[in-house]
Amino acid sequence: MLAIRLDEKTESRLERLAKETHRTKSYFVKRAITSFLDEMEDKLIAVARLEQENPSFLTNNALWRELGWEKPADNPKRQSK
């Protein structure tokens, strides 16, 4: 169990959202925390990969080749607007 204190503005926003959607405040708090944790864990993975001794990177052109795509500039059917 976790108890948190919110400033008045955030509490008011949360209360209004809960009422308008017929959901509980806890529902939105849980979703917000889960979303934040997912993002932070992804960032930690990215940082760990960047800090590897021999990280491998693909250039933009190499990525396009790897995916079997034509680069937009090389595609005569595509016209810039």
N, C-alpha and C. Protein backbone atom coordinates (compact mmCIF):
# COMPACT_ATOMS: atom_id res chain seq x y z
N MET A 1 0.85 -1.18 0.00
CA MET A 1 0.00 0.00 0.00
C MET A 1 0.89 1.23 0.00
N LEU A 2 0.47 2.23 -0.72
CA LEU A 2 1.25 3.45 -0.85
C LEU A 2 0.32 4.64 -0.65
N ALA A 3 0.77 5.61 0.09
CA ALA A 3 0.02 6.85 0.27
C ALA A 3 0.84 7.98 -0.32
N ILE A 4 0.18 8.85 -1.08
CA ILE A 4 0.89 9.99 -1.66
C ILE A 4 0.12 11.27 -1.35
N ARG A 5 0.85 12.36 -1.36
CA ARG A 5 0.23 13.67 -1.19
C ARG A 5 0.42 14.43 -2.49
N LEU A 6 -0.65 15.01 -2.96
CA LEU A 6 -0.62 15.78 -4.20
C LEU A 6 -0.91 17.24 -3.89
N ASP A 7 -0.35 18.12 -4.71
CA ASP A 7 -0.69 19.53 -4.55
C ASP A 7 -2.15 19.72 -4.97
N GLU A 8 -2.73 20.82 -4.57
CA GLU A 8 -4.16 21.06 -4.80
C GLU A 8 -4.53 21.00 -6.28
N LYS A 9 -3.69 21.59 -7.11
CA LYS A 9 -3.99 21.64 -8.55
C LYS A 9 -4.02 20.23 -9.13
N THR A 10 -3.04 19.41 -8.80
CA THR A 10 -2.98 18.04 -9.32
C THR A 10 -4.15 17.22 -8.78
N GLU A 11 -4.44 17.38 -7.50
CA GLU A 11 -5.57 16.66 -6.89
C GLU A 11 -6.88 17.04 -7.57
N SER A 12 -7.05 18.32 -7.85
CA SER A 12 -8.26 18.80 -8.51
C SER A 12 -8.38 18.22 -9.92
N ARG A 13 -7.28 18.22 -10.64
CA ARG A 13 -7.29 17.65 -12.00
C ARG A 13 -7.64 16.16 -11.96
N LEU A 14 -7.05 15.46 -11.02
CA LEU A 14 -7.30 14.03 -10.88
C LEU A 14 -8.77 13.77 -10.51
N GLU A 15 -9.28 14.54 -9.59
CA GLU A 15 -10.68 14.41 -9.17
C GLU A 15 -11.62 14.66 -10.34
N ARG A 16 -11.37 15.72 -11.10
CA ARG A 16 -12.22 16.05 -12.25
C ARG A 16 -12.18 14.94 -13.30
N LEU A 17 -10.99 14.44 -13.58
CA LEU A 17 -10.85 13.36 -14.56
C LEU A 17 -11.59 12.10 -14.11
N ALA A 18 -11.46 11.77 -12.85
CA ALA A 18 -12.14 10.59 -12.30
C ALA A 18 -13.66 10.74 -12.43
N LYS A 19 -14.17 11.90 -12.08
CA LYS A 19 -15.62 12.12 -12.15
C LYS A 19 -16.12 12.07 -13.59
N GLU A 20 -15.40 12.73 -14.50
CA GLU A 20 -15.84 12.79 -15.89
C GLU A 20 -15.77 11.45 -16.60
N THR A 21 -14.90 10.57 -16.15
CA THR A 21 -14.73 9.27 -16.81
C THR A 21 -15.36 8.12 -16.03
N HIS A 22 -15.90 8.44 -14.86
CA HIS A 22 -16.51 7.41 -13.99
C HIS A 22 -15.50 6.33 -13.62
N ARG A 23 -14.28 6.76 -13.38
CA ARG A 23 -13.21 5.86 -12.93
C ARG A 23 -12.73 6.37 -11.58
N THR A 24 -11.97 5.54 -10.89
CA THR A 24 -11.45 5.97 -9.60
C THR A 24 -10.14 6.75 -9.79
N LYS A 25 -9.83 7.54 -8.79
CA LYS A 25 -8.54 8.23 -8.81
C LYS A 25 -7.41 7.21 -8.79
N SER A 26 -7.59 6.14 -8.05
CA SER A 26 -6.57 5.09 -7.98
C SER A 26 -6.28 4.49 -9.35
N TYR A 27 -7.32 4.35 -10.16
CA TYR A 27 -7.14 3.82 -11.51
C TYR A 27 -6.13 4.67 -12.29
N PHE A 28 -6.32 5.99 -12.25
CA PHE A 28 -5.44 6.88 -13.00
C PHE A 28 -4.04 6.96 -12.39
N VAL A 29 -3.95 6.93 -11.09
CA VAL A 29 -2.64 6.97 -10.43
C VAL A 29 -1.85 5.71 -10.79
N LYS A 30 -2.50 4.55 -10.74
CA LYS A 30 -1.82 3.30 -11.10
C LYS A 30 -1.34 3.34 -12.54
N ARG A 31 -2.21 3.81 -13.45
CA ARG A 31 -1.83 3.88 -14.87
C ARG A 31 -0.67 4.85 -15.07
N ALA A 32 -0.69 5.97 -14.39
CA ALA A 32 0.38 6.96 -14.53
C ALA A 32 1.70 6.41 -14.02
N ILE A 33 1.67 5.75 -12.88
CA ILE A 33 2.90 5.18 -12.32
C ILE A 33 3.45 4.08 -13.22
N THR A 34 2.57 3.20 -13.70
CA THR A 34 3.01 2.13 -14.59
C THR A 34 3.64 2.68 -15.86
N SER A 35 3.01 3.69 -16.44
CA SER A 35 3.54 4.31 -17.65
C SER A 35 4.91 4.94 -17.40
N PHE A 36 5.03 5.65 -16.29
CA PHE A 36 6.30 6.28 -15.94
C PHE A 36 7.39 5.22 -15.72
N LEU A 37 7.06 4.16 -15.00
CA LEU A 37 8.05 3.09 -14.76
C LEU A 37 8.49 2.43 -16.06
N ASP A 38 7.54 2.20 -16.97
CA ASP A 38 7.90 1.62 -18.28
C ASP A 38 8.89 2.51 -19.01
N GLU A 39 8.62 3.81 -19.03
CA GLU A 39 9.51 4.76 -19.71
C GLU A 39 10.89 4.79 -19.07
N MET A 40 10.94 4.83 -17.75
CA MET A 40 12.22 4.89 -17.06
C MET A 40 13.03 3.61 -17.27
N GLU A 41 12.36 2.46 -17.25
CA GLU A 41 13.06 1.20 -17.50
C GLU A 41 13.61 1.16 -18.92
N ASP A 42 12.85 1.66 -19.90
CA ASP A 42 13.34 1.73 -21.27
C ASP A 42 14.57 2.63 -21.37
N LYS A 43 14.55 3.75 -20.65
CA LYS A 43 15.70 4.66 -20.67
C LYS A 43 16.92 3.99 -20.06
N LEU A 44 16.73 3.25 -18.97
CA LEU A 44 17.86 2.54 -18.35
C LEU A 44 18.46 1.51 -19.30
N ILE A 45 17.60 0.81 -20.03
CA ILE A 45 18.09 -0.16 -21.02
C ILE A 45 18.89 0.56 -22.10
N ALA A 46 18.38 1.68 -22.58
CA ALA A 46 19.07 2.44 -23.63
C ALA A 46 20.43 2.94 -23.14
N VAL A 47 20.47 3.47 -21.94
CA VAL A 47 21.74 3.95 -21.37
C VAL A 47 22.73 2.81 -21.21
N ALA A 48 22.26 1.67 -20.73
CA ALA A 48 23.14 0.50 -20.55
C ALA A 48 23.72 0.06 -21.89
N ARG A 49 22.91 0.09 -22.93
CA ARG A 49 23.40 -0.29 -24.26
C ARG A 49 24.42 0.70 -24.78
N LEU A 50 24.19 1.98 -24.52
CA LEU A 50 25.14 3.00 -24.97
C LEU A 50 26.47 2.90 -24.23
N GLU A 51 26.43 2.41 -23.00
CA GLU A 51 27.64 2.31 -22.19
C GLU A 51 28.39 0.99 -22.40
N GLN A 52 27.87 0.13 -23.27
CA GLN A 52 28.56 -1.12 -23.56
C GLN A 52 29.94 -0.83 -24.13
N GLU A 53 30.86 -1.76 -23.91
CA GLU A 53 32.23 -1.57 -24.37
C GLU A 53 32.31 -1.45 -25.89
N ASN A 54 31.60 -2.29 -26.60
CA ASN A 54 31.62 -2.27 -28.07
C ASN A 54 30.19 -2.18 -28.61
N PRO A 55 29.54 -1.03 -28.43
CA PRO A 55 28.17 -0.94 -28.93
C PRO A 55 28.16 -0.93 -30.45
N SER A 56 27.13 -1.48 -31.04
CA SER A 56 27.02 -1.45 -32.50
C SER A 56 25.89 -0.50 -32.89
N PHE A 57 26.15 0.29 -33.89
CA PHE A 57 25.18 1.25 -34.37
C PHE A 57 25.01 1.08 -35.87
N LEU A 58 23.85 1.41 -36.38
CA LEU A 58 23.61 1.44 -37.81
C LEU A 58 23.45 2.89 -38.23
N THR A 59 24.05 3.23 -39.35
CA THR A 59 23.80 4.55 -39.91
C THR A 59 22.40 4.55 -40.49
N ASN A 60 21.89 5.72 -40.80
CA ASN A 60 20.57 5.82 -41.40
C ASN A 60 20.50 5.03 -42.70
N ASN A 61 21.52 5.20 -43.55
CA ASN A 61 21.55 4.48 -44.83
C ASN A 61 21.61 2.98 -44.62
N ALA A 62 22.41 2.52 -43.66
CA ALA A 62 22.52 1.08 -43.39
C ALA A 62 21.19 0.53 -42.89
N LEU A 63 20.48 1.30 -42.09
CA LEU A 63 19.18 0.86 -41.60
C LEU A 63 18.21 0.69 -42.75
N TRP A 64 18.18 1.65 -43.66
CA TRP A 64 17.29 1.55 -44.82
C TRP A 64 17.62 0.30 -45.63
N ARG A 65 18.92 0.05 -45.85
CA ARG A 65 19.33 -1.15 -46.59
C ARG A 65 18.92 -2.41 -45.84
N GLU A 66 19.15 -2.44 -44.53
CA GLU A 66 18.82 -3.60 -43.70
C GLU A 66 17.33 -3.94 -43.79
N LEU A 67 16.50 -2.91 -43.87
CA LEU A 67 15.06 -3.11 -43.94
C LEU A 67 14.56 -3.35 -45.36
N GLY A 68 15.46 -3.21 -46.33
CA GLY A 68 15.09 -3.41 -47.73
C GLY A 68 14.26 -2.28 -48.30
N TRP A 69 14.40 -1.11 -47.74
CA TRP A 69 13.65 0.05 -48.19
C TRP A 69 14.53 0.91 -49.08
N GLU A 70 13.86 1.69 -49.92
CA GLU A 70 14.59 2.71 -50.67
C GLU A 70 14.64 3.96 -49.81
N LYS A 71 15.74 4.66 -49.89
CA LYS A 71 15.79 5.94 -49.19
C LYS A 71 14.80 6.88 -49.87
N PRO A 72 14.11 7.74 -49.14
CA PRO A 72 13.14 8.64 -49.75
C PRO A 72 13.73 9.47 -50.89
N ALA A 73 14.96 9.93 -50.75
CA ALA A 73 15.58 10.76 -51.79
C ALA A 73 15.84 9.95 -53.05
N ASP A 74 15.98 8.63 -52.93
CA ASP A 74 16.27 7.78 -54.07
C ASP A 74 15.01 7.25 -54.75
N ASN A 75 13.86 7.54 -54.20
CA ASN A 75 12.61 7.02 -54.72
C ASN A 75 12.00 8.04 -55.67
N PRO A 76 12.04 7.78 -57.00
CA PRO A 76 11.54 8.77 -57.96
C PRO A 76 10.03 8.99 -57.88
N LYS A 77 9.28 8.03 -57.33
CA LYS A 77 7.83 8.18 -57.22
C LYS A 77 7.45 9.17 -56.13
N ARG A 78 8.32 9.35 -55.20
CA ARG A 78 8.04 10.23 -54.07
C ARG A 78 8.45 11.65 -54.44
N GLN A 79 7.56 12.57 -54.28
CA GLN A 79 7.86 13.97 -54.59
C GLN A 79 7.73 14.81 -53.34
N SER A 80 8.65 15.73 -53.19
CA SER A 80 8.56 16.62 -52.03
C SER A 80 7.48 17.65 -52.27
N LYS A 81 6.90 18.10 -51.18
CA LYS A 81 5.81 19.08 -51.28
C LYS A 81 6.31 20.45 -50.93
